[in-house]
Amino acid sequence: MTARYLSAAEVGALLDVGRSTVGKWRERHPAGSAWPFPEPDVTVGDVPGWLPGRVDEIRAWRDGLPGRGRTSAGVVHR
């Protein structure tokens, strides 16, 4: 059985953003940062891939980003 991975373009489409936005998130929020973007499950050459089941994890990461009405602790400002 062959595993199916989502490209940055596919992840972006599922989150209503472009591939370049996913790339910028990865650059701005690397592993070891305060709010690291979820690491890909596989990288072939320089192309990352995520398992489809991780879309909710990536969506939760995006929704918790500071500047989206939340602090780094996830508290909503009113």
PDB file of N, CA and C in Angstrom:
ATOM      1  N   MET A   1       0.848  -1.182   0.000  1.00  0.00           N
ATOM      2  CA  MET A   1       0.000   0.000   0.000  1.00  0.00           C
ATOM      3  C   MET A   1       0.897   1.250   0.000  1.00  0.00           C
ATOM      4  N   THR A   2       0.533   2.215  -0.797  1.00  0.00           N
ATOM      5  CA  THR A   2       1.290   3.452  -0.907  1.00  0.00           C
ATOM      6  C   THR A   2       0.645   4.527  -0.038  1.00  0.00           C
ATOM      7  N   ALA A   3       1.469   5.216   0.746  1.00  0.00           N
ATOM      8  CA  ALA A   3       0.966   6.309   1.584  1.00  0.00           C
ATOM      9  C   ALA A   3       0.705   7.534   0.713  1.00  0.00           C
ATOM     10  N   ARG A   4      -0.310   8.293   1.046  1.00  0.00           N
ATOM     11  CA  ARG A   4      -0.658   9.527   0.332  1.00  0.00           C
ATOM     12  C   ARG A   4      -0.345  10.702   1.244  1.00  0.00           C
ATOM     13  N   TYR A   5       0.396  11.653   0.738  1.00  0.00           N
ATOM     14  CA  TYR A   5       0.767  12.845   1.491  1.00  0.00           C
ATOM     15  C   TYR A   5       0.204  14.079   0.798  1.00  0.00           C
ATOM     16  N   LEU A   6      -0.065  15.101   1.591  1.00  0.00           N
ATOM     17  CA  LEU A   6      -0.537  16.377   1.058  1.00  0.00           C
ATOM     18  C   LEU A   6       0.643  17.314   0.843  1.00  0.00           C
ATOM     19  N   SER A   7       0.650  17.980  -0.291  1.00  0.00           N
ATOM     20  CA  SER A   7       1.677  18.989  -0.565  1.00  0.00           C
ATOM     21  C   SER A   7       1.313  20.283   0.158  1.00  0.00           C
ATOM     22  N   ALA A   8       2.228  21.223   0.158  1.00  0.00           N
ATOM     23  CA  ALA A   8       1.946  22.538   0.739  1.00  0.00           C
ATOM     24  C   ALA A   8       0.775  23.195   0.013  1.00  0.00           C
ATOM     25  N   ALA A   9       0.681  23.002  -1.297  1.00  0.00           N
ATOM     26  CA  ALA A   9      -0.434  23.570  -2.062  1.00  0.00           C
ATOM     27  C   ALA A   9      -1.759  22.958  -1.624  1.00  0.00           C
ATOM     28  N   GLU A  10      -1.774  21.648  -1.384  1.00  0.00           N
ATOM     29  CA  GLU A  10      -3.007  20.988  -0.952  1.00  0.00           C
ATOM     30  C   GLU A  10      -3.385  21.394   0.469  1.00  0.00           C
ATOM     31  N   VAL A  11      -2.398  21.490   1.354  1.00  0.00           N
ATOM     32  CA  VAL A  11      -2.665  21.956   2.721  1.00  0.00           C
ATOM     33  C   VAL A  11      -3.230  23.367   2.658  1.00  0.00           C
ATOM     34  N   GLY A  12      -2.605  24.227   1.870  1.00  0.00           N
ATOM     35  CA  GLY A  12      -3.089  25.597   1.721  1.00  0.00           C
ATOM     36  C   GLY A  12      -4.511  25.652   1.210  1.00  0.00           C
ATOM     37  N   ALA A  13      -4.829  24.836   0.212  1.00  0.00           N
ATOM     38  CA  ALA A  13      -6.175  24.831  -0.353  1.00  0.00           C
ATOM     39  C   ALA A  13      -7.204  24.419   0.701  1.00  0.00           C
ATOM     40  N   LEU A  14      -6.858  23.459   1.537  1.00  0.00           N
ATOM     41  CA  LEU A  14      -7.772  23.024   2.589  1.00  0.00           C
ATOM     42  C   LEU A  14      -7.967  24.083   3.668  1.00  0.00           C
ATOM     43  N   LEU A  15      -6.996  24.992   3.795  1.00  0.00           N
ATOM     44  CA  LEU A  15      -7.075  26.060   4.793  1.00  0.00           C
ATOM     45  C   LEU A  15      -7.431  27.408   4.164  1.00  0.00           C
ATOM     46  N   ASP A  16      -7.769  27.397   2.888  1.00  0.00           N
ATOM     47  CA  ASP A  16      -8.142  28.616   2.153  1.00  0.00           C
ATOM     48  C   ASP A  16      -7.024  29.650   2.088  1.00  0.00           C
ATOM     49  N   VAL A  17      -5.789  29.162   1.941  1.00  0.00           N
ATOM     50  CA  VAL A  17      -4.629  30.025   1.714  1.00  0.00           C
ATOM     51  C   VAL A  17      -3.819  29.415   0.574  1.00  0.00           C
ATOM     52  N   GLY A  18      -2.869  30.169   0.069  1.00  0.00           N
ATOM     53  CA  GLY A  18      -2.036  29.670  -1.012  1.00  0.00           C
ATOM     54  C   GLY A  18      -0.847  28.856  -0.512  1.00  0.00           C
ATOM     55  N   ARG A  19      -0.232  28.145  -1.448  1.00  0.00           N
ATOM     56  CA  ARG A  19       0.972  27.371  -1.146  1.00  0.00           C
ATOM     57  C   ARG A  19       2.060  28.249  -0.552  1.00  0.00           C
ATOM     58  N   SER A  20       2.180  29.462  -1.066  1.00  0.00           N
ATOM     59  CA  SER A  20       3.234  30.353  -0.578  1.00  0.00           C
ATOM     60  C   SER A  20       3.006  30.738   0.883  1.00  0.00           C
ATOM     61  N   THR A  21       1.753  30.822   1.308  1.00  0.00           N
ATOM     62  CA  THR A  21       1.467  31.126   2.717  1.00  0.00           C
ATOM     63  C   THR A  21       1.955  29.993   3.608  1.00  0.00           C
ATOM     64  N   VAL A  22       1.720  28.756   3.193  1.00  0.00           N
ATOM     65  CA  VAL A  22       2.209  27.607   3.967  1.00  0.00           C
ATOM     66  C   VAL A  22       3.730  27.662   4.049  1.00  0.00           C
ATOM     67  N   GLY A  23       4.386  27.999   2.940  1.00  0.00           N
ATOM     68  CA  GLY A  23       5.842  28.126   2.940  1.00  0.00           C
ATOM     69  C   GLY A  23       6.322  29.232   3.876  1.00  0.00           C
ATOM     70  N   LYS A  24       5.623  30.357   3.892  1.00  0.00           N
ATOM     71  CA  LYS A  24       5.992  31.463   4.787  1.00  0.00           C
ATOM     72  C   LYS A  24       5.800  31.070   6.246  1.00  0.00           C
ATOM     73  N   TRP A  25       4.707  30.353   6.544  1.00  0.00           N
ATOM     74  CA  TRP A  25       4.494  29.882   7.918  1.00  0.00           C
ATOM     75  C   TRP A  25       5.655  28.996   8.350  1.00  0.00           C
ATOM     76  N   ARG A  26       6.077  28.104   7.459  1.00  0.00           N
ATOM     77  CA  ARG A  26       7.183  27.200   7.799  1.00  0.00           C
ATOM     78  C   ARG A  26       8.481  27.976   8.040  1.00  0.00           C
ATOM     79  N   GLU A  27       8.726  29.005   7.234  1.00  0.00           N
ATOM     80  CA  GLU A  27       9.934  29.817   7.394  1.00  0.00           C
ATOM     81  C   GLU A  27       9.883  30.651   8.673  1.00  0.00           C
ATOM     82  N   ARG A  28       8.750  31.237   8.959  1.00  0.00           N
ATOM     83  CA  ARG A  28       8.617  32.144  10.101  1.00  0.00           C
ATOM     84  C   ARG A  28       8.458  31.424  11.434  1.00  0.00           C
ATOM     85  N   HIS A  29       8.039  30.164  11.376  1.00  0.00           N
ATOM     86  CA  HIS A  29       7.764  29.403  12.600  1.00  0.00           C
ATOM     87  C   HIS A  29       8.451  28.037  12.539  1.00  0.00           C
ATOM     88  N   PRO A  30       9.799  28.021  12.497  1.00  0.00           N
ATOM     89  CA  PRO A  30      10.515  26.750  12.384  1.00  0.00           C
ATOM     90  C   PRO A  30      10.494  25.956  13.689  1.00  0.00           C
ATOM     91  N   ALA A  31      10.909  24.705  13.603  1.00  0.00           N
ATOM     92  CA  ALA A  31      11.055  23.877  14.803  1.00  0.00           C
ATOM     93  C   ALA A  31      11.953  24.617  15.785  1.00  0.00           C
ATOM     94  N   GLY A  32      11.591  24.582  17.040  1.00  0.00           N
ATOM     95  CA  GLY A  32      12.361  25.271  18.072  1.00  0.00           C
ATOM     96  C   GLY A  32      11.877  26.679  18.358  1.00  0.00           C
ATOM     97  N   SER A  33      10.976  27.206  17.517  1.00  0.00           N
ATOM     98  CA  SER A  33      10.435  28.544  17.767  1.00  0.00           C
ATOM     99  C   SER A  33       9.297  28.439  18.782  1.00  0.00           C
ATOM    100  N   ALA A  34       8.782  29.586  19.200  1.00  0.00           N
ATOM    101  CA  ALA A  34       7.726  29.621  20.210  1.00  0.00           C
ATOM    102  C   ALA A  34       6.448  28.925  19.731  1.00  0.00           C
ATOM    103  N   TRP A  35       6.137  28.990  18.451  1.00  0.00           N
ATOM    104  CA  TRP A  35       4.921  28.392  17.918  1.00  0.00           C
ATOM    105  C   TRP A  35       5.275  27.695  16.604  1.00  0.00           C
ATOM    106  N   PRO A  36       6.012  26.563  16.675  1.00  0.00           N
ATOM    107  CA  PRO A  36       6.518  25.921  15.451  1.00  0.00           C
ATOM    108  C   PRO A  36       5.411  25.320  14.585  1.00  0.00           C
ATOM    109  N   PHE A  37       5.546  25.530  13.287  1.00  0.00           N
ATOM    110  CA  PHE A  37       4.621  24.917  12.335  1.00  0.00           C
ATOM    111  C   PHE A  37       4.814  23.404  12.376  1.00  0.00           C
ATOM    112  N   PRO A  38       3.727  22.625  12.292  1.00  0.00           N
ATOM    113  CA  PRO A  38       3.867  21.169  12.322  1.00  0.00           C
ATOM    114  C   PRO A  38       4.833  20.655  11.245  1.00  0.00           C
ATOM    115  N   GLU A  39       5.805  19.893  11.682  1.00  0.00           N
ATOM    116  CA  GLU A  39       6.801  19.336  10.769  1.00  0.00           C
ATOM    117  C   GLU A  39       6.136  18.400   9.767  1.00  0.00           C
ATOM    118  N   PRO A  40       6.641  18.367   8.533  1.00  0.00           N
ATOM    119  CA  PRO A  40       6.090  17.429   7.558  1.00  0.00           C
ATOM    120  C   PRO A  40       6.408  15.986   7.966  1.00  0.00           C
ATOM    121  N   ASP A  41       5.595  15.063   7.485  1.00  0.00           N
ATOM    122  CA  ASP A  41       5.805  13.647   7.759  1.00  0.00           C
ATOM    123  C   ASP A  41       6.858  13.050   6.836  1.00  0.00           C
ATOM    124  N   VAL A  42       7.062  13.694   5.694  1.00  0.00           N
ATOM    125  CA  VAL A  42       8.029  13.219   4.719  1.00  0.00           C
ATOM    126  C   VAL A  42       8.533  14.425   3.932  1.00  0.00           C
ATOM    127  N   THR A  43       9.770  14.339   3.480  1.00  0.00           N
ATOM    128  CA  THR A  43      10.316  15.336   2.565  1.00  0.00           C
ATOM    129  C   THR A  43      11.008  14.573   1.444  1.00  0.00           C
ATOM    130  N   VAL A  44      10.623  14.859   0.214  1.00  0.00           N
ATOM    131  CA  VAL A  44      11.230  14.234  -0.952  1.00  0.00           C
ATOM    132  C   VAL A  44      11.912  15.348  -1.723  1.00  0.00           C
ATOM    133  N   GLY A  45      13.234  15.291  -1.784  1.00  0.00           N
ATOM    134  CA  GLY A  45      13.978  16.420  -2.317  1.00  0.00           C
ATOM    135  C   GLY A  45      13.786  17.569  -1.352  1.00  0.00           C
ATOM    136  N   ASP A  46      13.260  18.667  -1.819  1.00  0.00           N
ATOM    137  CA  ASP A  46      12.929  19.805  -0.950  1.00  0.00           C
ATOM    138  C   ASP A  46      11.419  19.962  -0.775  1.00  0.00           C
ATOM    139  N   VAL A  47      10.653  18.960  -1.170  1.00  0.00           N
ATOM    140  CA  VAL A  47       9.190  19.056  -1.146  1.00  0.00           C
ATOM    141  C   VAL A  47       8.643  18.346   0.096  1.00  0.00           C
ATOM    142  N   PRO A  48       7.980  19.118   0.993  1.00  0.00           N
ATOM    143  CA  PRO A  48       7.409  18.517   2.200  1.00  0.00           C
ATOM    144  C   PRO A  48       6.058  17.872   1.920  1.00  0.00           C
ATOM    145  N   GLY A  49       5.705  16.899   2.756  1.00  0.00           N
ATOM    146  CA  GLY A  49       4.399  16.264   2.653  1.00  0.00           C
ATOM    147  C   GLY A  49       3.851  15.934   4.032  1.00  0.00           C
ATOM    148  N   TRP A  50       2.554  16.137   4.209  1.00  0.00           N
ATOM    149  CA  TRP A  50       1.876  15.860   5.474  1.00  0.00           C
ATOM    150  C   TRP A  50       0.816  14.799   5.238  1.00  0.00           C
ATOM    151  N   LEU A  51       0.644  13.927   6.213  1.00  0.00           N
ATOM    152  CA  LEU A  51      -0.428  12.945   6.127  1.00  0.00           C
ATOM    153  C   LEU A  51      -1.768  13.668   6.183  1.00  0.00           C
ATOM    154  N   PRO A  52      -2.751  13.227   5.400  1.00  0.00           N
ATOM    155  CA  PRO A  52      -4.056  13.906   5.378  1.00  0.00           C
ATOM    156  C   PRO A  52      -4.703  14.029   6.755  1.00  0.00           C
ATOM    157  N   GLY A  53      -4.479  13.082   7.627  1.00  0.00           N
ATOM    158  CA  GLY A  53      -5.071  13.120   8.955  1.00  0.00           C
ATOM    159  C   GLY A  53      -4.552  14.238   9.840  1.00  0.00           C
ATOM    160  N   ARG A  54      -3.527  14.955   9.399  1.00  0.00           N
ATOM    161  CA  ARG A  54      -2.944  16.029  10.202  1.00  0.00           C
ATOM    162  C   ARG A  54      -3.505  17.404   9.870  1.00  0.00           C
ATOM    163  N   VAL A  55      -4.457  17.479   8.950  1.00  0.00           N
ATOM    164  CA  VAL A  55      -5.018  18.772   8.559  1.00  0.00           C
ATOM    165  C   VAL A  55      -5.623  19.490   9.762  1.00  0.00           C
ATOM    166  N   ASP A  56      -6.339  18.772  10.627  1.00  0.00           N
ATOM    167  CA  ASP A  56      -6.931  19.412  11.807  1.00  0.00           C
ATOM    168  C   ASP A  56      -5.854  19.965  12.737  1.00  0.00           C
ATOM    169  N   GLU A  57      -4.732  19.263  12.856  1.00  0.00           N
ATOM    170  CA  GLU A  57      -3.600  19.744  13.668  1.00  0.00           C
ATOM    171  C   GLU A  57      -3.045  21.037  13.088  1.00  0.00           C
ATOM    172  N   ILE A  58      -2.886  21.071  11.782  1.00  0.00           N
ATOM    173  CA  ILE A  58      -2.355  22.269  11.123  1.00  0.00           C
ATOM    174  C   ILE A  58      -3.361  23.414  11.232  1.00  0.00           C
ATOM    175  N   ARG A  59      -4.633  23.117  11.085  1.00  0.00           N
ATOM    176  CA  ARG A  59      -5.683  24.143  11.226  1.00  0.00           C
ATOM    177  C   ARG A  59      -5.669  24.714  12.650  1.00  0.00           C
ATOM    178  N   ALA A  60      -5.533  23.850  13.656  1.00  0.00           N
ATOM    179  CA  ALA A  60      -5.478  24.307  15.052  1.00  0.00           C
ATOM    180  C   ALA A  60      -4.247  25.178  15.272  1.00  0.00           C
ATOM    181  N   TRP A  61      -3.121  24.808  14.643  1.00  0.00           N
ATOM    182  CA  TRP A  61      -1.901  25.626  14.743  1.00  0.00           C
ATOM    183  C   TRP A  61      -2.188  27.018  14.184  1.00  0.00           C
ATOM    184  N   ARG A  62      -2.760  27.065  12.975  1.00  0.00           N
ATOM    185  CA  ARG A  62      -3.067  28.351  12.332  1.00  0.00           C
ATOM    186  C   ARG A  62      -4.024  29.182  13.174  1.00  0.00           C
ATOM    187  N   ASP A  63      -5.054  28.558  13.706  1.00  0.00           N
ATOM    188  CA  ASP A  63      -6.053  29.281  14.479  1.00  0.00           C
ATOM    189  C   ASP A  63      -5.502  29.811  15.796  1.00  0.00           C
ATOM    190  N   GLY A  64      -4.429  29.235  16.284  1.00  0.00           N
ATOM    191  CA  GLY A  64      -3.814  29.693  17.525  1.00  0.00           C
ATOM    192  C   GLY A  64      -2.698  30.701  17.338  1.00  0.00           C
ATOM    193  N   LEU A  65      -2.424  31.074  16.102  1.00  0.00           N
ATOM    194  CA  LEU A  65      -1.344  32.034  15.843  1.00  0.00           C
ATOM    195  C   LEU A  65      -1.605  33.374  16.523  1.00  0.00           C
ATOM    196  N   PRO A  66      -0.610  33.930  17.195  1.00  0.00           N
ATOM    197  CA  PRO A  66      -0.746  35.300  17.694  1.00  0.00           C
ATOM    198  C   PRO A  66      -1.045  36.232  16.510  1.00  0.00           C
ATOM    199  N   GLY A  67      -1.845  37.236  16.752  1.00  0.00           N
ATOM    200  CA  GLY A  67      -2.214  38.145  15.672  1.00  0.00           C
ATOM    201  C   GLY A  67      -3.524  37.763  15.018  1.00  0.00           C
ATOM    202  N   ARG A  68      -4.076  36.646  15.418  1.00  0.00           N
ATOM    203  CA  ARG A  68      -5.381  36.230  14.907  1.00  0.00           C
ATOM    204  C   ARG A  68      -6.419  36.430  16.007  1.00  0.00           C
ATOM    205  N   GLY A  69      -6.212  37.456  16.856  1.00  0.00           N
ATOM    206  CA  GLY A  69      -7.137  37.735  17.939  1.00  0.00           C
ATOM    207  C   GLY A  69      -6.803  36.983  19.207  1.00  0.00           C
ATOM    208  N   ARG A  70      -5.618  36.372  19.245  1.00  0.00           N
ATOM    209  CA  ARG A  70      -5.221  35.571  20.398  1.00  0.00           C
ATOM    210  C   ARG A  70      -3.811  35.970  20.837  1.00  0.00           C
ATOM    211  N   THR A  71      -3.493  35.681  22.076  1.00  0.00           N
ATOM    212  CA  THR A  71      -2.117  35.835  22.542  1.00  0.00           C
ATOM    213  C   THR A  71      -1.424  34.507  22.302  1.00  0.00           C
ATOM    214  N   SER A  72      -0.151  34.421  22.609  1.00  0.00           N
ATOM    215  CA  SER A  72       0.556  33.163  22.433  1.00  0.00           C
ATOM    216  C   SER A  72       0.004  32.079  23.332  1.00  0.00           C
ATOM    217  N   ALA A  73      -0.735  32.445  24.379  1.00  0.00           N
ATOM    218  CA  ALA A  73      -1.337  31.450  25.264  1.00  0.00           C
ATOM    219  C   ALA A  73      -2.697  30.995  24.768  1.00  0.00           C
ATOM    220  N   GLY A  74      -3.184  31.584  23.661  1.00  0.00           N
ATOM    221  CA  GLY A  74      -4.463  31.171  23.101  1.00  0.00           C
ATOM    222  C   GLY A  74      -5.661  31.896  23.691  1.00  0.00           C
ATOM    223  N   VAL A  75      -5.439  32.966  24.447  1.00  0.00           N
ATOM    224  CA  VAL A  75      -6.535  33.707  25.055  1.00  0.00           C
ATOM    225  C   VAL A  75      -7.085  34.699  24.041  1.00  0.00           C
ATOM    226  N   VAL A  76      -8.383  34.719  23.894  1.00  0.00           N
ATOM    227  CA  VAL A  76      -9.021  35.644  22.948  1.00  0.00           C
ATOM    228  C   VAL A  76      -9.137  37.021  23.580  1.00  0.00           C
ATOM    229  N   HIS A  77      -8.694  38.056  22.852  1.00  0.00           N
ATOM    230  CA  HIS A  77      -8.817  39.442  23.306  1.00  0.00           C
ATOM    231  C   HIS A  77     -10.168  39.990  22.901  1.00  0.00           C
ATOM    232  N   ARG A  78     -10.792  40.743  23.756  1.00  0.00           N
ATOM    233  CA  ARG A  78     -12.079  41.376  23.419  1.00  0.00           C
ATOM    234  C   ARG A  78     -12.002  42.843  23.698  1.00  0.00           C
TER     235      ARG A  78
END
